[in-house]
Amino acid sequence: MTTSSLPKFDELPPFKEFAGCAWEVWGKDDELGTVNLLTPEVVKEAAKEIKTGKSVCLNWPINFPSKPVFNRIAPEHDIMFKPGFGAVHDDHLHINTQSGTQWDGLRHFGLQHHGLFYQNTHKSFFKVGSLDIQDPTNIDRDLIKFGIHNWAQHGICGRGVLLDMVKFYTDKFGRLPYDPFATHPITLEDMLAAAKAEGVTFQPADILILRVGFIQRYYGATQEERDGLPKKPETFAGIEQTEDMKRFLWDNHFAAIASDQPALECWPPAEGVRHLHSTLIGLWGMPIGEFFDLEALSKQCAETGRYTFFFSSWPLNVLGGVASPPNAAAYF
């Protein structure tokens, strides 16, 4: 299916109180969601963004934040010397896949008030706990359905676009007019104005990346503030949860969206407003990236005047996985 043949947001059927349900747009057995947009032709065209070969890492070190938010466990990294071998080390890494830089997968977030996930899949369908998979040639497909391995085996690669909202607001006001650690909506109007200021025109299957300011704020915070993040109310700046925002994201046919914030969307949603996660992941199957480290990318884009680039991400190939570090990079 080409983007020209996809229905517009207002043509998508509703589900209960939600507008814009994209279940079965790519077929009833689909497990890729909007990653379907990243076809070989799209990737080939996006590769033309590579002019100089300069690459920029978009992953915050796996150690951070050292005190995760949303009640997630802190990362553990142990290095072990192997006695008897003279000069050999191993290491052990234990993380919550959503404690730091991450993609939210299709198993992560659904329609909370209905107990449903992507493709109208009831929560009772999924097995939780340890997935015992012994034979790589004989895997129960239902056991791993909608797992992060689908994106890992396909790749999330294409043209990336940075909307540097921090630079946009700082240029306009001389400072950031909100605290990234506090609830604040980034409006669609401001996002479009930032795109205009950068000279960006969106293309179908773009991977949209927003710098909103969390990591810059984290670096400027005291250790007491950093350590206190998990103890304070969970409030963060992020994109607004309006119908116009949904319409913009769907009708531009972005393949994925990510930011440097812990929740992408303004958190928590206002009273009576449904989570944007429910629409993006639960209704569309769109990857949501969070805690992306965009500081070096922001500098590179500002210095070159280029806010588009080739984006590459290969999540961990975890069968049935809920989320994953993205292993993401931008190439100029």
C-alpha atoms as a PDB file:
ATOM      1  CA  MET A   1       0.000   0.000   0.000  1.00  0.00           C
ATOM      2  CA  THR A   2       1.353   3.428  -0.971  1.00  0.00           C
ATOM      3  CA  THR A   3       0.857   6.525   1.139  1.00  0.00           C
ATOM      4  CA  SER A   4      -1.345   8.005  -1.580  1.00  0.00           C
ATOM      5  CA  SER A   5      -3.785   5.146  -1.117  1.00  0.00           C
ATOM      6  CA  LEU A   6      -3.921   5.408   2.672  1.00  0.00           C
ATOM      7  CA  PRO A   7      -7.093   6.890   4.146  1.00  0.00           C
ATOM      8  CA  LYS A   8      -6.933  10.358   5.673  1.00  0.00           C
ATOM      9  CA  PHE A   9      -7.359  10.655   9.428  1.00  0.00           C
ATOM     10  CA  ASP A  10     -10.947  11.815   9.015  1.00  0.00           C
ATOM     11  CA  GLU A  11     -11.645   8.805   6.775  1.00  0.00           C
ATOM     12  CA  LEU A  12     -10.498   6.292   9.372  1.00  0.00           C
ATOM     13  CA  PRO A  13     -13.318   4.666  11.337  1.00  0.00           C
ATOM     14  CA  PRO A  14     -13.800   5.516  15.014  1.00  0.00           C
ATOM     15  CA  PHE A  15     -13.515   2.995  17.820  1.00  0.00           C
ATOM     16  CA  LYS A  16     -15.695   3.839  20.808  1.00  0.00           C
ATOM     17  CA  GLU A  17     -14.594   7.323  21.946  1.00  0.00           C
ATOM     18  CA  PHE A  18     -11.458   7.280  19.768  1.00  0.00           C
ATOM     19  CA  ALA A  19     -11.317   8.811  16.302  1.00  0.00           C
ATOM     20  CA  GLY A  20      -8.867   7.489  13.723  1.00  0.00           C
ATOM     21  CA  CYS A  21      -8.664   3.721  14.191  1.00  0.00           C
ATOM     22  CA  ALA A  22      -6.166   2.177  11.734  1.00  0.00           C
ATOM     23  CA  TRP A  23      -6.652  -1.490  12.621  1.00  0.00           C
ATOM     24  CA  GLU A  24      -6.307  -3.663   9.503  1.00  0.00           C
ATOM     25  CA  VAL A  25      -5.129  -0.757   7.311  1.00  0.00           C
ATOM     26  CA  TRP A  26      -2.141  -3.007   6.499  1.00  0.00           C
ATOM     27  CA  GLY A  27      -4.159  -6.217   6.831  1.00  0.00           C
ATOM     28  CA  LYS A  28      -5.632  -8.136   9.735  1.00  0.00           C
ATOM     29  CA  ASP A  29      -2.381 -10.027  10.389  1.00  0.00           C
ATOM     30  CA  ASP A  30      -0.128  -6.955  10.400  1.00  0.00           C
ATOM     31  CA  GLU A  31       2.488  -6.657  13.153  1.00  0.00           C
ATOM     32  CA  LEU A  32       4.539  -3.711  11.841  1.00  0.00           C
ATOM     33  CA  GLY A  33       2.102  -0.801  12.017  1.00  0.00           C
ATOM     34  CA  THR A  34       3.425   2.412  10.494  1.00  0.00           C
ATOM     35  CA  VAL A  35       6.847   0.801  10.012  1.00  0.00           C
ATOM     36  CA  ASN A  36       5.202  -0.655   6.891  1.00  0.00           C
ATOM     37  CA  LEU A  37       5.836   2.777   5.360  1.00  0.00           C
ATOM     38  CA  LEU A  38       9.603   2.190   5.442  1.00  0.00           C
ATOM     39  CA  THR A  39       9.794   0.269   2.180  1.00  0.00           C
ATOM     40  CA  PRO A  40      13.050  -0.499   0.333  1.00  0.00           C
ATOM     41  CA  GLU A  41      12.254   2.356  -2.051  1.00  0.00           C
ATOM     42  CA  VAL A  42      11.792   4.778   0.856  1.00  0.00           C
ATOM     43  CA  VAL A  43      15.053   3.673   2.474  1.00  0.00           C
ATOM     44  CA  LYS A  44      16.934   3.947  -0.821  1.00  0.00           C
ATOM     45  CA  GLU A  45      15.657   7.493  -1.371  1.00  0.00           C
ATOM     46  CA  ALA A  46      16.405   8.470   2.230  1.00  0.00           C
ATOM     47  CA  ALA A  47      19.999   7.289   1.827  1.00  0.00           C
ATOM     48  CA  LYS A  48      20.521  10.287  -0.483  1.00  0.00           C
ATOM     49  CA  GLU A  49      20.549  12.383   2.704  1.00  0.00           C
ATOM     50  CA  ILE A  50      24.054  11.047   3.380  1.00  0.00           C
ATOM     51  CA  LYS A  51      26.360  13.698   1.890  1.00  0.00           C
ATOM     52  CA  THR A  52      29.389  13.883   4.217  1.00  0.00           C
ATOM     53  CA  GLY A  53      29.286  10.563   6.065  1.00  0.00           C
ATOM     54  CA  LYS A  54      29.116  12.352   9.435  1.00  0.00           C
ATOM     55  CA  SER A  55      27.253  10.224  11.990  1.00  0.00           C
ATOM     56  CA  VAL A  56      25.652  11.237  15.287  1.00  0.00           C
ATOM     57  CA  CYS A  57      24.680   8.862  18.097  1.00  0.00           C
ATOM     58  CA  LEU A  58      21.134   9.364  19.398  1.00  0.00           C
ATOM     59  CA  ASN A  59      21.324   6.989  22.360  1.00  0.00           C
ATOM     60  CA  TRP A  60      21.774   8.292  25.891  1.00  0.00           C
ATOM     61  CA  PRO A  61      24.226   6.018  27.762  1.00  0.00           C
ATOM     62  CA  ILE A  62      22.288   3.053  29.100  1.00  0.00           C
ATOM     63  CA  ASN A  63      23.225   4.117  32.643  1.00  0.00           C
ATOM     64  CA  PHE A  64      20.887   7.150  32.498  1.00  0.00           C
ATOM     65  CA  PRO A  65      18.769   8.309  34.041  1.00  0.00           C
ATOM     66  CA  SER A  66      20.432   6.603  36.992  1.00  0.00           C
ATOM     67  CA  LYS A  67      17.169   7.002  38.913  1.00  0.00           C
ATOM     68  CA  PRO A  68      14.468   6.145  36.339  1.00  0.00           C
ATOM     69  CA  VAL A  69      10.967   7.603  36.331  1.00  0.00           C
ATOM     70  CA  PHE A  70       7.604   5.779  36.093  1.00  0.00           C
ATOM     71  CA  ASN A  71       8.673   3.373  38.841  1.00  0.00           C
ATOM     72  CA  ARG A  72      11.152   1.517  36.618  1.00  0.00           C
ATOM     73  CA  ILE A  73      14.200  -0.261  37.958  1.00  0.00           C
ATOM     74  CA  ALA A  74      17.611   1.352  37.781  1.00  0.00           C
ATOM     75  CA  PRO A  75      20.074  -0.092  35.238  1.00  0.00           C
ATOM     76  CA  GLU A  76      22.734  -2.448  36.578  1.00  0.00           C
ATOM     77  CA  HIS A  77      26.093  -3.013  34.887  1.00  0.00           C
ATOM     78  CA  ASP A  78      28.656  -5.409  36.366  1.00  0.00           C
ATOM     79  CA  ILE A  79      32.089  -6.168  34.893  1.00  0.00           C
ATOM     80  CA  MET A  80      33.636  -9.534  35.735  1.00  0.00           C
ATOM     81  CA  PHE A  81      37.225 -10.677  35.367  1.00  0.00           C
ATOM     82  CA  LYS A  82      37.460 -14.262  34.069  1.00  0.00           C
ATOM     83  CA  PRO A  83      40.058 -16.013  36.226  1.00  0.00           C
ATOM     84  CA  GLY A  84      42.175 -18.622  34.512  1.00  0.00           C
ATOM     85  CA  PHE A  85      42.235 -16.809  31.154  1.00  0.00           C
ATOM     86  CA  GLY A  86      44.899 -14.203  31.915  1.00  0.00           C
ATOM     87  CA  ALA A  87      43.228 -11.168  30.342  1.00  0.00           C
ATOM     88  CA  VAL A  88      39.482 -11.652  29.741  1.00  0.00           C
ATOM     89  CA  HIS A  89      36.412  -9.763  30.971  1.00  0.00           C
ATOM     90  CA  ASP A  90      32.681 -10.394  30.657  1.00  0.00           C
ATOM     91  CA  ASP A  91      29.933  -8.053  31.728  1.00  0.00           C
ATOM     92  CA  HIS A  92      26.362  -8.380  32.885  1.00  0.00           C
ATOM     93  CA  LEU A  93      23.656  -5.838  31.986  1.00  0.00           C
ATOM     94  CA  HIS A  94      20.242  -5.751  33.646  1.00  0.00           C
ATOM     95  CA  ILE A  95      17.815  -3.049  32.507  1.00  0.00           C
ATOM     96  CA  ASN A  96      14.190  -2.222  32.159  1.00  0.00           C
ATOM     97  CA  THR A  97      13.993  -1.684  28.400  1.00  0.00           C
ATOM     98  CA  GLN A  98      12.096   1.562  29.037  1.00  0.00           C
ATOM     99  CA  SER A  99      14.263   3.064  31.761  1.00  0.00           C
ATOM    100  CA  GLY A 100      16.271   5.141  29.257  1.00  0.00           C
ATOM    101  CA  THR A 101      16.479   5.694  25.496  1.00  0.00           C
ATOM    102  CA  GLN A 102      13.806   3.430  24.053  1.00  0.00           C
ATOM    103  CA  TRP A 103      11.227   2.522  21.480  1.00  0.00           C
ATOM    104  CA  ASP A 104       7.788   1.711  22.897  1.00  0.00           C
ATOM    105  CA  GLY A 105       6.612  -1.410  21.092  1.00  0.00           C
ATOM    106  CA  LEU A 106       3.129  -2.636  20.191  1.00  0.00           C
ATOM    107  CA  ARG A 107       2.813  -4.658  23.397  1.00  0.00           C
ATOM    108  CA  HIS A 108       3.485  -1.638  25.600  1.00  0.00           C
ATOM    109  CA  PHE A 109       0.387   0.548  25.524  1.00  0.00           C
ATOM    110  CA  GLY A 110      -3.160   0.026  24.386  1.00  0.00           C
ATOM    111  CA  LEU A 111      -6.633   1.387  24.971  1.00  0.00           C
ATOM    112  CA  GLN A 112      -6.607   1.337  28.737  1.00  0.00           C
ATOM    113  CA  HIS A 113     -10.316   1.709  29.350  1.00  0.00           C
ATOM    114  CA  HIS A 114     -11.087  -1.193  27.008  1.00  0.00           C
ATOM    115  CA  GLY A 115      -8.239  -3.606  27.764  1.00  0.00           C
ATOM    116  CA  LEU A 116      -7.282  -3.717  24.083  1.00  0.00           C
ATOM    117  CA  PHE A 117      -4.021  -3.500  22.183  1.00  0.00           C
ATOM    118  CA  TYR A 118      -3.185  -3.025  18.485  1.00  0.00           C
ATOM    119  CA  GLN A 119      -5.475  -4.796  16.023  1.00  0.00           C
ATOM    120  CA  ASN A 120      -8.271  -5.109  18.607  1.00  0.00           C
ATOM    121  CA  THR A 121      -6.257  -7.670  20.590  1.00  0.00           C
ATOM    122  CA  HIS A 122      -7.564  -8.253  24.117  1.00  0.00           C
ATOM    123  CA  LYS A 123      -5.110  -8.061  26.999  1.00  0.00           C
ATOM    124  CA  SER A 124      -5.920 -11.677  27.940  1.00  0.00           C
ATOM    125  CA  PHE A 125      -4.276 -12.838  24.683  1.00  0.00           C
ATOM    126  CA  PHE A 126      -0.759 -12.082  25.906  1.00  0.00           C
ATOM    127  CA  LYS A 127       1.326 -14.344  28.119  1.00  0.00           C
ATOM    128  CA  VAL A 128       3.273 -12.468  30.770  1.00  0.00           C
ATOM    129  CA  GLY A 129       6.250 -13.626  32.770  1.00  0.00           C
ATOM    130  CA  SER A 130       9.148 -15.562  31.329  1.00  0.00           C
ATOM    131  CA  LEU A 131       8.781 -16.614  27.684  1.00  0.00           C
ATOM    132  CA  ASP A 132      10.408 -20.017  27.409  1.00  0.00           C
ATOM    133  CA  ILE A 133      11.563 -20.281  23.781  1.00  0.00           C
ATOM    134  CA  GLN A 134      13.963 -23.185  23.169  1.00  0.00           C
ATOM    135  CA  ASP A 135      13.805 -23.920  19.456  1.00  0.00           C
ATOM    136  CA  PRO A 136      14.426 -20.992  17.034  1.00  0.00           C
ATOM    137  CA  THR A 137      12.941 -23.055  14.190  1.00  0.00           C
ATOM    138  CA  ASN A 138       9.697 -23.867  16.017  1.00  0.00           C
ATOM    139  CA  ILE A 139       8.248 -20.761  17.689  1.00  0.00           C
ATOM    140  CA  ASP A 140       4.641 -20.289  18.738  1.00  0.00           C
ATOM    141  CA  ARG A 141       3.741 -17.145  16.780  1.00  0.00           C
ATOM    142  CA  ASP A 142       0.939 -16.259  19.195  1.00  0.00           C
ATOM    143  CA  LEU A 143       3.422 -16.323  22.080  1.00  0.00           C
ATOM    144  CA  ILE A 144       5.502 -13.550  20.508  1.00  0.00           C
ATOM    145  CA  LYS A 145       2.805 -11.685  18.560  1.00  0.00           C
ATOM    146  CA  PHE A 146       3.391  -7.919  18.262  1.00  0.00           C
ATOM    147  CA  GLY A 147       6.847  -8.290  19.798  1.00  0.00           C
ATOM    148  CA  ILE A 148       9.636  -5.780  19.263  1.00  0.00           C
ATOM    149  CA  HIS A 149      11.458  -8.404  17.177  1.00  0.00           C
ATOM    150  CA  ASN A 150       9.235  -7.449  14.225  1.00  0.00           C
ATOM    151  CA  TRP A 151      10.773  -3.972  14.091  1.00  0.00           C
ATOM    152  CA  ALA A 152      14.203  -5.385  14.927  1.00  0.00           C
ATOM    153  CA  GLN A 153      14.117  -7.688  11.920  1.00  0.00           C
ATOM    154  CA  HIS A 154      12.726  -4.983   9.612  1.00  0.00           C
ATOM    155  CA  GLY A 155      14.696  -1.996  10.874  1.00  0.00           C
ATOM    156  CA  ILE A 156      13.406   1.519  11.513  1.00  0.00           C
ATOM    157  CA  CYS A 157      15.417   3.304   8.845  1.00  0.00           C
ATOM    158  CA  GLY A 158      14.516   6.240   6.622  1.00  0.00           C
ATOM    159  CA  ARG A 159      14.607  10.016   6.460  1.00  0.00           C
ATOM    160  CA  GLY A 160      14.766  11.618   9.885  1.00  0.00           C
ATOM    161  CA  VAL A 161      13.514  15.154  10.582  1.00  0.00           C
ATOM    162  CA  LEU A 162      14.460  17.093  13.718  1.00  0.00           C
ATOM    163  CA  LEU A 163      12.127  19.741  15.071  1.00  0.00           C
ATOM    164  CA  ASP A 164      14.401  21.511  17.542  1.00  0.00           C
ATOM    165  CA  MET A 165      11.763  23.087  19.757  1.00  0.00           C
ATOM    166  CA  VAL A 166      14.398  24.126  22.298  1.00  0.00           C
ATOM    167  CA  LYS A 167      16.214  26.210  19.669  1.00  0.00           C
ATOM    168  CA  PHE A 168      12.930  27.529  18.276  1.00  0.00           C
ATOM    169  CA  TYR A 169      11.725  28.786  21.659  1.00  0.00           C
ATOM    170  CA  THR A 170      15.144  30.048  22.731  1.00  0.00           C
ATOM    171  CA  ASP A 171      15.563  32.008  19.501  1.00  0.00           C
ATOM    172  CA  LYS A 172      12.089  33.467  19.962  1.00  0.00           C
ATOM    173  CA  PHE A 173      12.057  34.240  23.684  1.00  0.00           C
ATOM    174  CA  GLY A 174      15.736  34.245  24.650  1.00  0.00           C
ATOM    175  CA  ARG A 175      15.104  31.284  26.944  1.00  0.00           C
ATOM    176  CA  LEU A 176      13.023  28.129  27.163  1.00  0.00           C
ATOM    177  CA  PRO A 177       9.561  29.343  28.316  1.00  0.00           C
ATOM    178  CA  TYR A 178       8.701  26.151  30.213  1.00  0.00           C
ATOM    179  CA  ASP A 179      10.326  23.550  32.445  1.00  0.00           C
ATOM    180  CA  PRO A 180      10.778  20.161  30.680  1.00  0.00           C
ATOM    181  CA  PHE A 181      10.341  18.570  34.134  1.00  0.00           C
ATOM    182  CA  ALA A 182       6.811  20.040  34.387  1.00  0.00           C
ATOM    183  CA  THR A 183       3.536  19.494  32.532  1.00  0.00           C
ATOM    184  CA  HIS A 184       3.520  21.689  29.427  1.00  0.00           C
ATOM    185  CA  PRO A 185       1.931  21.104  25.988  1.00  0.00           C
ATOM    186  CA  ILE A 186       3.978  21.627  22.827  1.00  0.00           C
ATOM    187  CA  THR A 187       1.370  22.867  20.374  1.00  0.00           C
ATOM    188  CA  LEU A 188       0.985  21.862  16.760  1.00  0.00           C
ATOM    189  CA  GLU A 189       1.109  25.557  15.844  1.00  0.00           C
ATOM    190  CA  ASP A 190       4.581  25.855  17.363  1.00  0.00           C
ATOM    191  CA  MET A 191       5.777  22.638  15.744  1.00  0.00           C
ATOM    192  CA  LEU A 192       4.726  23.905  12.322  1.00  0.00           C
ATOM    193  CA  ALA A 193       6.393  27.253  13.014  1.00  0.00           C
ATOM    194  CA  ALA A 194       9.606  25.453  13.995  1.00  0.00           C
ATOM    195  CA  ALA A 195       9.504  23.422  10.790  1.00  0.00           C
ATOM    196  CA  LYS A 196       9.066  26.636   8.777  1.00  0.00           C
ATOM    197  CA  ALA A 197      11.986  28.281  10.581  1.00  0.00           C
ATOM    198  CA  GLU A 198      14.174  25.261   9.781  1.00  0.00           C
ATOM    199  CA  GLY A 199      13.070  25.178   6.150  1.00  0.00           C
ATOM    200  CA  VAL A 200      11.692  21.662   6.575  1.00  0.00           C
ATOM    201  CA  THR A 201       9.019  20.168   4.329  1.00  0.00           C
ATOM    202  CA  PHE A 202       7.671  16.830   5.506  1.00  0.00           C
ATOM    203  CA  GLN A 203       7.637  13.753   3.295  1.00  0.00           C
ATOM    204  CA  PRO A 204       5.630  10.533   3.671  1.00  0.00           C
ATOM    205  CA  ALA A 205       7.383   7.953   5.868  1.00  0.00           C
ATOM    206  CA  ASP A 206       9.550  10.547   7.645  1.00  0.00           C
ATOM    207  CA  ILE A 207      10.726   9.700  11.154  1.00  0.00           C
ATOM    208  CA  LEU A 208       9.795  12.739  13.230  1.00  0.00           C
ATOM    209  CA  ILE A 209      12.109  13.662  16.105  1.00  0.00           C
ATOM    210  CA  LEU A 210      11.466  16.475  18.586  1.00  0.00           C
ATOM    211  CA  ARG A 211      13.944  18.085  20.942  1.00  0.00           C
ATOM    212  CA  VAL A 212      11.865  19.419  23.813  1.00  0.00           C
ATOM    213  CA  GLY A 213      14.575  19.829  26.433  1.00  0.00           C
ATOM    214  CA  PHE A 214      14.594  17.048  29.022  1.00  0.00           C
ATOM    215  CA  ILE A 215      18.202  15.974  28.586  1.00  0.00           C
ATOM    216  CA  GLN A 216      19.492  19.550  28.406  1.00  0.00           C
ATOM    217  CA  ARG A 217      17.540  20.249  31.623  1.00  0.00           C
ATOM    218  CA  TYR A 218      18.896  17.060  33.223  1.00  0.00           C
ATOM    219  CA  TYR A 219      22.480  18.076  32.521  1.00  0.00           C
ATOM    220  CA  GLY A 220      21.836  21.475  34.089  1.00  0.00           C
ATOM    221  CA  ALA A 221      20.100  20.049  37.163  1.00  0.00           C
ATOM    222  CA  THR A 222      21.657  19.384  40.532  1.00  0.00           C
ATOM    223  CA  GLN A 223      22.231  15.772  41.536  1.00  0.00           C
ATOM    224  CA  GLU A 224      19.526  16.272  44.149  1.00  0.00           C
ATOM    225  CA  GLU A 225      17.045  17.257  41.418  1.00  0.00           C
ATOM    226  CA  ARG A 226      18.053  14.280  39.272  1.00  0.00           C
ATOM    227  CA  ASP A 227      17.739  11.821  42.130  1.00  0.00           C
ATOM    228  CA  GLY A 228      14.403  13.360  43.081  1.00  0.00           C
ATOM    229  CA  LEU A 229      12.732  12.797  39.705  1.00  0.00           C
ATOM    230  CA  PRO A 230      11.254   9.384  40.615  1.00  0.00           C
ATOM    231  CA  LYS A 231       9.881  10.790  43.888  1.00  0.00           C
ATOM    232  CA  LYS A 232       8.084  13.832  42.511  1.00  0.00           C
ATOM    233  CA  PRO A 233       4.742  13.751  40.672  1.00  0.00           C
ATOM    234  CA  GLU A 234       5.239  12.478  37.108  1.00  0.00           C
ATOM    235  CA  THR A 235       4.974  15.719  35.155  1.00  0.00           C
ATOM    236  CA  PHE A 236       6.768  16.365  31.862  1.00  0.00           C
ATOM    237  CA  ALA A 237       6.520  18.605  28.824  1.00  0.00           C
ATOM    238  CA  GLY A 238       5.456  16.959  25.567  1.00  0.00           C
ATOM    239  CA  ILE A 239       3.273  17.266  22.501  1.00  0.00           C
ATOM    240  CA  GLU A 240      -0.370  18.146  22.999  1.00  0.00           C
ATOM    241  CA  GLN A 241      -3.086  15.481  22.780  1.00  0.00           C
ATOM    242  CA  THR A 242      -5.450  17.267  20.393  1.00  0.00           C
ATOM    243  CA  GLU A 243      -7.358  15.864  17.447  1.00  0.00           C
ATOM    244  CA  ASP A 244      -5.448  18.286  15.227  1.00  0.00           C
ATOM    245  CA  MET A 245      -2.169  16.797  16.461  1.00  0.00           C
ATOM    246  CA  LYS A 246      -3.407  13.305  15.630  1.00  0.00           C
ATOM    247  CA  ARG A 247      -4.596  14.475  12.228  1.00  0.00           C
ATOM    248  CA  PHE A 248      -1.186  16.056  11.556  1.00  0.00           C
ATOM    249  CA  LEU A 249       0.742  12.938  12.556  1.00  0.00           C
ATOM    250  CA  TRP A 250      -1.446  10.553  10.572  1.00  0.00           C
ATOM    251  CA  ASP A 251      -2.023  12.630   7.444  1.00  0.00           C
ATOM    252  CA  ASN A 252       1.726  13.297   7.085  1.00  0.00           C
ATOM    253  CA  HIS A 253       2.182   9.506   7.373  1.00  0.00           C
ATOM    254  CA  PHE A 254       5.140   9.591   9.718  1.00  0.00           C
ATOM    255  CA  ALA A 255       6.657   6.138  10.136  1.00  0.00           C
ATOM    256  CA  ALA A 256       7.723   6.796  13.739  1.00  0.00           C
ATOM    257  CA  ILE A 257       8.013   9.612  16.257  1.00  0.00           C
ATOM    258  CA  ALA A 258      10.536  10.227  19.035  1.00  0.00           C
ATOM    259  CA  SER A 259      11.665  12.912  21.453  1.00  0.00           C
ATOM    260  CA  ASP A 260      14.080  13.528  24.298  1.00  0.00           C
ATOM    261  CA  GLN A 261      11.243  13.570  26.849  1.00  0.00           C
ATOM    262  CA  PRO A 262      10.285  10.609  29.091  1.00  0.00           C
ATOM    263  CA  ALA A 263       6.755  10.322  27.662  1.00  0.00           C
ATOM    264  CA  LEU A 264       6.725  12.101  24.237  1.00  0.00           C
ATOM    265  CA  GLU A 265       3.285  13.537  25.028  1.00  0.00           C
ATOM    266  CA  CYS A 266       2.456  16.195  27.615  1.00  0.00           C
ATOM    267  CA  TRP A 267       2.271  14.312  30.901  1.00  0.00           C
ATOM    268  CA  PRO A 268      -0.103  13.731  32.483  1.00  0.00           C
ATOM    269  CA  PRO A 269      -2.939  14.368  30.032  1.00  0.00           C
ATOM    270  CA  ALA A 270      -5.559  16.864  31.154  1.00  0.00           C
ATOM    271  CA  GLU A 271      -8.611  15.562  32.984  1.00  0.00           C
ATOM    272  CA  GLY A 272     -10.857  13.669  30.560  1.00  0.00           C
ATOM    273  CA  VAL A 273      -8.230  13.549  27.788  1.00  0.00           C
ATOM    274  CA  ARG A 274      -7.100  10.106  26.618  1.00  0.00           C
ATOM    275  CA  HIS A 275      -3.417   9.270  26.335  1.00  0.00           C
ATOM    276  CA  LEU A 276      -1.908   9.944  22.922  1.00  0.00           C
ATOM    277  CA  HIS A 277      -0.042   6.653  23.387  1.00  0.00           C
ATOM    278  CA  SER A 278      -3.380   4.868  22.982  1.00  0.00           C
ATOM    279  CA  THR A 279      -3.850   6.329  19.503  1.00  0.00           C
ATOM    280  CA  LEU A 280      -0.252   6.153  18.283  1.00  0.00           C
ATOM    281  CA  ILE A 281       0.558   2.648  19.503  1.00  0.00           C
ATOM    282  CA  GLY A 282      -2.841   1.103  20.151  1.00  0.00           C
ATOM    283  CA  LEU A 283      -4.719   2.321  17.061  1.00  0.00           C
ATOM    284  CA  TRP A 284      -1.922   2.962  14.535  1.00  0.00           C
ATOM    285  CA  GLY A 285       0.998   0.758  15.538  1.00  0.00           C
ATOM    286  CA  MET A 286       3.405   3.724  15.480  1.00  0.00           C
ATOM    287  CA  PRO A 287       6.752   3.432  17.301  1.00  0.00           C
ATOM    288  CA  ILE A 288       7.156   6.006  20.062  1.00  0.00           C
ATOM    289  CA  GLY A 289      10.720   6.903  20.975  1.00  0.00           C
ATOM    290  CA  GLU A 290      11.562   8.470  24.322  1.00  0.00           C
ATOM    291  CA  PHE A 291      14.698   9.722  26.106  1.00  0.00           C
ATOM    292  CA  PHE A 292      16.528  10.089  22.763  1.00  0.00           C
ATOM    293  CA  ASP A 293      19.740  12.058  23.288  1.00  0.00           C
ATOM    294  CA  LEU A 294      19.388  14.897  20.795  1.00  0.00           C
ATOM    295  CA  GLU A 295      22.013  17.304  22.111  1.00  0.00           C
ATOM    296  CA  ALA A 296      24.757  16.446  19.589  1.00  0.00           C
ATOM    297  CA  LEU A 297      22.163  16.186  16.820  1.00  0.00           C
ATOM    298  CA  SER A 298      20.870  19.670  17.630  1.00  0.00           C
ATOM    299  CA  LYS A 299      24.378  21.077  17.386  1.00  0.00           C
ATOM    300  CA  GLN A 300      25.067  19.299  14.087  1.00  0.00           C
ATOM    301  CA  CYS A 301      21.808  20.521  12.555  1.00  0.00           C
ATOM    302  CA  ALA A 302      22.375  24.105  13.691  1.00  0.00           C
ATOM    303  CA  GLU A 303      25.950  24.173  12.396  1.00  0.00           C
ATOM    304  CA  THR A 304      25.053  22.756   8.981  1.00  0.00           C
ATOM    305  CA  GLY A 305      21.590  24.260   8.594  1.00  0.00           C
ATOM    306  CA  ARG A 306      20.331  20.762   7.766  1.00  0.00           C
ATOM    307  CA  TYR A 307      17.453  19.354   9.783  1.00  0.00           C
ATOM    308  CA  THR A 308      16.923  16.222   7.685  1.00  0.00           C
ATOM    309  CA  PHE A 309      19.250  13.230   7.647  1.00  0.00           C
ATOM    310  CA  PHE A 310      19.346   9.479   7.195  1.00  0.00           C
ATOM    311  CA  PHE A 311      18.052   7.824  10.335  1.00  0.00           C
ATOM    312  CA  SER A 312      18.961   4.272  11.298  1.00  0.00           C
ATOM    313  CA  SER A 313      17.625   2.243  14.220  1.00  0.00           C
ATOM    314  CA  TRP A 314      17.885  -1.470  14.933  1.00  0.00           C
ATOM    315  CA  PRO A 315      16.072  -2.437  18.150  1.00  0.00           C
ATOM    316  CA  LEU A 316      17.136  -5.510  20.100  1.00  0.00           C
ATOM    317  CA  ASN A 317      15.884  -8.700  18.465  1.00  0.00           C
ATOM    318  CA  VAL A 318      13.920  -9.885  21.501  1.00  0.00           C
ATOM    319  CA  LEU A 319      11.178 -12.319  20.528  1.00  0.00           C
ATOM    320  CA  GLY A 320       7.931 -11.025  21.992  1.00  0.00           C
ATOM    321  CA  GLY A 321       9.690  -8.009  23.520  1.00  0.00           C
ATOM    322  CA  VAL A 322       7.695  -5.036  24.774  1.00  0.00           C
ATOM    323  CA  ALA A 323      10.290  -2.308  24.170  1.00  0.00           C
ATOM    324  CA  SER A 324      13.949  -1.829  23.317  1.00  0.00           C
ATOM    325  CA  PRO A 325      16.874   0.533  23.273  1.00  0.00           C
ATOM    326  CA  PRO A 326      16.837   1.897  19.709  1.00  0.00           C
ATOM    327  CA  ASN A 327      20.521   1.681  18.699  1.00  0.00           C
ATOM    328  CA  ALA A 328      19.791   4.835  16.713  1.00  0.00           C
ATOM    329  CA  ALA A 329      22.001   7.165  14.701  1.00  0.00           C
ATOM    330  CA  ALA A 330      21.699  10.070  12.281  1.00  0.00           C
ATOM    331  CA  TYR A 331      23.874  10.270   9.162  1.00  0.00           C
ATOM    332  CA  PHE A 332      24.586  13.504   7.274  1.00  0.00           C
END
